[in-house]
Protein backbone atom coordinates (compact mmCIF):
# COMPACT_ATOMS: atom_id res chain seq x y z
CA MET A 1 1.04 -41.40 57.24
CA GLU A 2 4.14 -40.63 58.17
CA PRO A 3 5.97 -37.50 57.18
CA GLU A 4 9.15 -39.62 55.42
CA THR A 5 6.32 -42.01 54.27
CA LYS A 6 4.48 -39.25 52.14
CA LYS A 7 8.36 -37.58 50.74
CA GLU A 8 9.12 -41.51 49.75
CA GLU A 9 5.29 -41.27 47.56
CA THR A 10 6.20 -37.98 46.24
CA LYS A 11 9.59 -38.93 45.36
CA ALA A 12 8.49 -42.39 43.47
CA LYS A 13 5.83 -40.52 41.22
CA GLU A 14 8.22 -37.53 40.60
CA GLU A 15 10.55 -40.22 39.37
CA CYS A 16 7.72 -41.56 36.73
CA LEU A 17 6.99 -38.19 35.51
CA PRO A 18 9.01 -37.46 32.19
CA ASP A 19 11.59 -34.82 32.78
CA LYS A 20 10.70 -32.11 30.35
CA ARG A 21 14.04 -30.39 30.69
CA LYS A 22 15.65 -33.73 28.78
CA GLN A 23 13.19 -33.68 25.93
CA PRO A 24 14.45 -31.93 23.43
CA PRO A 25 12.38 -29.03 22.15
CA LYS A 26 9.39 -29.80 19.94
CA PRO A 27 10.42 -28.44 16.36
CA VAL A 28 9.04 -24.89 14.49
CA SER A 29 7.14 -26.06 11.70
CA THR A 30 7.92 -24.45 8.21
CA LYS A 31 4.39 -22.84 7.98
CA ARG A 32 4.89 -21.24 11.68
CA LEU A 33 8.33 -20.02 10.49
CA ALA A 34 6.77 -18.11 7.22
CA VAL A 35 4.27 -17.00 9.04
CA TYR A 36 6.80 -15.71 12.00
CA LEU A 37 8.89 -13.82 8.65
CA MET A 38 5.44 -12.60 6.64
CA ILE A 39 4.39 -10.84 9.89
CA LYS A 40 8.28 -9.24 10.65
CA ILE A 41 8.84 -8.18 7.15
CA LEU A 42 4.95 -6.13 7.24
CA VAL A 43 6.44 -4.71 11.01
CA ILE A 44 9.59 -3.39 9.04
CA MET A 45 7.65 -2.11 6.10
CA ILE A 46 4.84 -0.11 8.25
CA ALA A 47 7.93 1.50 10.72
CA VAL A 48 9.67 2.46 7.23
CA TRP A 49 6.96 3.78 6.14
CA VAL A 50 5.79 6.18 9.01
CA VAL A 51 9.84 7.09 9.21
CA LEU A 52 9.15 8.56 5.48
CA THR A 53 5.96 10.18 5.88
CA PHE A 54 5.68 11.29 9.15
CA VAL A 55 9.56 12.30 10.37
CA LEU A 56 11.46 12.10 7.43
CA GLY A 57 11.40 13.94 3.75
CA VAL A 58 13.36 12.68 0.61
CA SER A 59 13.53 14.25 -2.71
CA ILE A 60 16.57 14.42 -5.63
CA HIS A 61 17.07 17.76 -6.51
CA ARG A 62 16.95 19.04 -9.77
CA GLY A 63 18.58 22.12 -10.97
CA ASN A 64 22.26 24.16 -10.19
CA ASN A 65 19.34 26.92 -8.71
CA MET A 66 20.88 25.74 -5.68
CA HIS A 67 24.72 25.95 -6.31
CA PRO A 68 26.93 25.25 -4.20
CA ALA A 69 24.86 24.08 -1.09
CA VAL A 70 22.59 21.42 -3.62
CA ASN A 71 23.56 20.68 -7.02
CA ASP A 72 21.57 18.61 -9.28
CA GLY A 73 21.03 15.15 -8.79
CA ASP A 74 21.77 14.67 -4.86
CA LEU A 75 19.65 13.44 -2.81
CA VAL A 76 18.18 15.44 0.03
CA ILE A 77 16.60 14.36 2.80
CA SER A 78 14.76 17.19 5.29
CA LEU A 79 13.63 16.61 9.10
CA ARG A 80 10.00 17.00 9.06
CA LEU A 81 9.58 17.77 12.71
CA GLN A 82 11.56 20.84 12.67
CA SER A 83 9.96 23.91 11.91
CA PRO A 84 11.79 26.11 9.22
CA TYR A 85 14.69 28.62 10.40
CA LEU A 86 16.21 31.98 8.88
CA ASN A 87 19.02 30.79 6.45
CA ALA A 88 17.93 27.32 6.34
CA VAL A 89 18.63 25.29 3.63
CA VAL A 90 14.84 23.31 3.06
CA LEU A 91 12.34 21.35 1.04
CA TYR A 92 9.32 23.09 -0.13
CA ARG A 93 6.61 22.09 -2.60
CA HIS A 94 5.27 24.43 -5.19
CA ASP A 95 3.53 23.77 -8.16
CA GLY A 96 2.83 20.15 -6.87
CA LYS A 97 6.92 19.71 -7.66
CA ASN A 98 9.47 19.43 -4.86
CA CYS A 99 11.82 22.13 -4.34
CA THR A 100 15.08 23.53 -2.45
CA GLY A 101 15.63 27.01 -1.19
CA ARG A 102 17.35 28.94 1.30
CA VAL A 103 14.65 30.70 3.74
CA VAL A 104 15.85 34.57 4.50
CA GLY A 105 12.47 36.20 5.81
CA LEU A 106 9.82 34.31 8.66
CA SER A 107 6.83 36.16 9.21
CA GLY A 108 7.06 39.48 10.24
CA SER A 109 10.31 39.75 8.20
CA VAL A 110 10.43 43.07 5.83
CA ILE A 111 12.42 41.88 2.65
CA ASP A 112 14.29 44.65 -0.04
CA ILE A 113 16.48 44.52 -2.30
CA THR A 114 18.38 46.90 -3.09
CA GLU A 115 19.65 48.43 -6.70
CA HIS A 116 23.57 46.94 -6.28
CA GLY A 117 22.31 43.45 -5.43
CA GLU A 118 21.89 43.62 -1.93
CA LEU A 119 19.61 41.37 0.16
CA LEU A 120 17.98 43.49 3.25
CA VAL A 121 16.31 41.61 5.64
CA ASP A 122 14.79 44.29 8.47
CA ASN A 123 16.63 46.84 6.93
CA ALA A 124 19.86 45.06 7.60
CA ILE A 125 21.90 43.13 5.39
CA ALA A 126 21.38 39.37 5.43
CA SER A 127 24.02 37.45 7.12
CA GLU A 128 25.27 34.79 4.76
CA ASP A 129 28.13 32.50 4.34
CA ILE A 130 28.55 33.43 1.10
CA PHE A 131 27.25 36.74 -0.34
CA TYR A 132 24.96 36.02 -3.56
CA PRO A 133 24.37 39.40 -5.31
CA THR A 134 20.32 39.33 -5.51
CA HIS A 135 18.14 41.25 -8.01
CA LYS A 136 14.74 41.60 -8.32
CA ALA A 137 13.01 38.90 -10.94
CA LYS A 138 11.25 40.89 -13.94
CA ASN A 139 8.06 40.58 -14.92
CA SER A 140 7.15 39.77 -11.05
CA HIS A 141 3.91 41.20 -8.87
CA ILE A 142 6.06 40.90 -5.56
CA HIS A 143 6.88 45.10 -4.84
CA PHE A 144 9.96 45.73 -2.29
CA PRO A 145 10.18 45.88 -0.03
CA TYR A 146 7.77 43.20 0.98
CA THR A 147 6.50 41.80 4.67
CA VAL A 148 5.83 38.71 4.98
CA GLU A 149 3.01 36.89 5.77
CA ASP A 150 2.02 35.57 8.99
CA GLY A 151 2.34 31.30 8.61
CA ARG A 152 5.17 31.63 5.71
CA ALA A 153 8.13 32.11 4.32
CA PHE A 154 10.17 34.32 1.93
CA ILE A 155 12.68 32.12 -0.14
CA LEU A 156 15.85 32.22 -2.37
CA ASN A 157 17.63 30.31 -4.62
CA ASP A 158 21.69 30.62 -3.56
CA PHE A 159 22.34 30.93 -7.50
CA ARG A 160 20.56 33.92 -7.29
CA GLU A 161 20.69 34.31 -10.81
CA ASP A 162 17.96 31.94 -10.92
CA THR A 163 14.66 33.99 -10.31
CA ASN A 164 12.28 31.18 -9.29
CA ASP A 165 11.72 31.78 -6.00
CA SER A 166 9.96 33.76 -3.58
CA ARG A 167 11.51 36.57 -6.13
CA ASN A 168 8.55 35.22 -8.25
CA PHE A 169 5.90 33.61 -6.79
CA GLY A 170 5.83 34.61 -3.97
CA THR A 171 6.03 33.84 -0.03
CA VAL A 172 5.44 29.78 0.36
CA ASP A 173 2.50 28.43 3.45
CA LEU A 174 5.03 26.84 6.02
CA LYS A 175 2.56 23.58 5.60
CA ASP A 176 4.06 22.82 2.63
CA ILE A 177 8.18 23.25 3.80
CA ASP A 178 8.75 19.62 4.65
CA GLY A 179 11.83 20.99 6.84
CA PRO A 180 15.38 21.97 7.29
CA LEU A 181 17.39 19.55 4.84
CA LEU A 182 18.80 17.12 7.81
CA LEU A 183 21.26 15.40 4.74
CA VAL A 184 23.01 16.03 1.51
CA LEU A 185 23.82 12.60 -0.81
CA ARG A 186 26.09 13.46 -3.65
CA ARG A 187 24.87 11.31 -6.49
CA ARG A 188 27.44 13.16 -8.89
CA GLY A 189 31.00 14.74 -9.04
CA PHE A 190 32.56 13.55 -6.33
């Protein structure tokens, strides 16, 4: 056969075949759309669960022990991926409850409270944005000066008249700290 004849035969065969580009797409069944939707919802739910379990800690703060930084009813969100650091406001667990407090000492820090209401960390007055008179808790087993153990943090409330913090129950294990606060959403008193 001559090459031109082959070209003509191929062209004739192509003309007989239906053109796929000209055909409308097949409609997708409702059942298939429902399955796709359910898969997308499941993936989104798993992503939200992972973020709320391993990345962020979310809680509603109860009480005014952290006033003015955090007020009663505020929604607090912490970053679990970051370790606590000095002077950070953190979300932590104590006696099965979520609490909020300020880290004033980490492993090896020596905490002391003077009779004049001064907080000393490693024999220096603690640097704070607002000076909070700090007094020892009554009927507490904590004796000052106090050395913070390894893997633990000494946490105080900002409203220091409320002694339900490390002055009363001792240091908090770093495993019980969800991390520093990332965001505080005011829910009351705008």
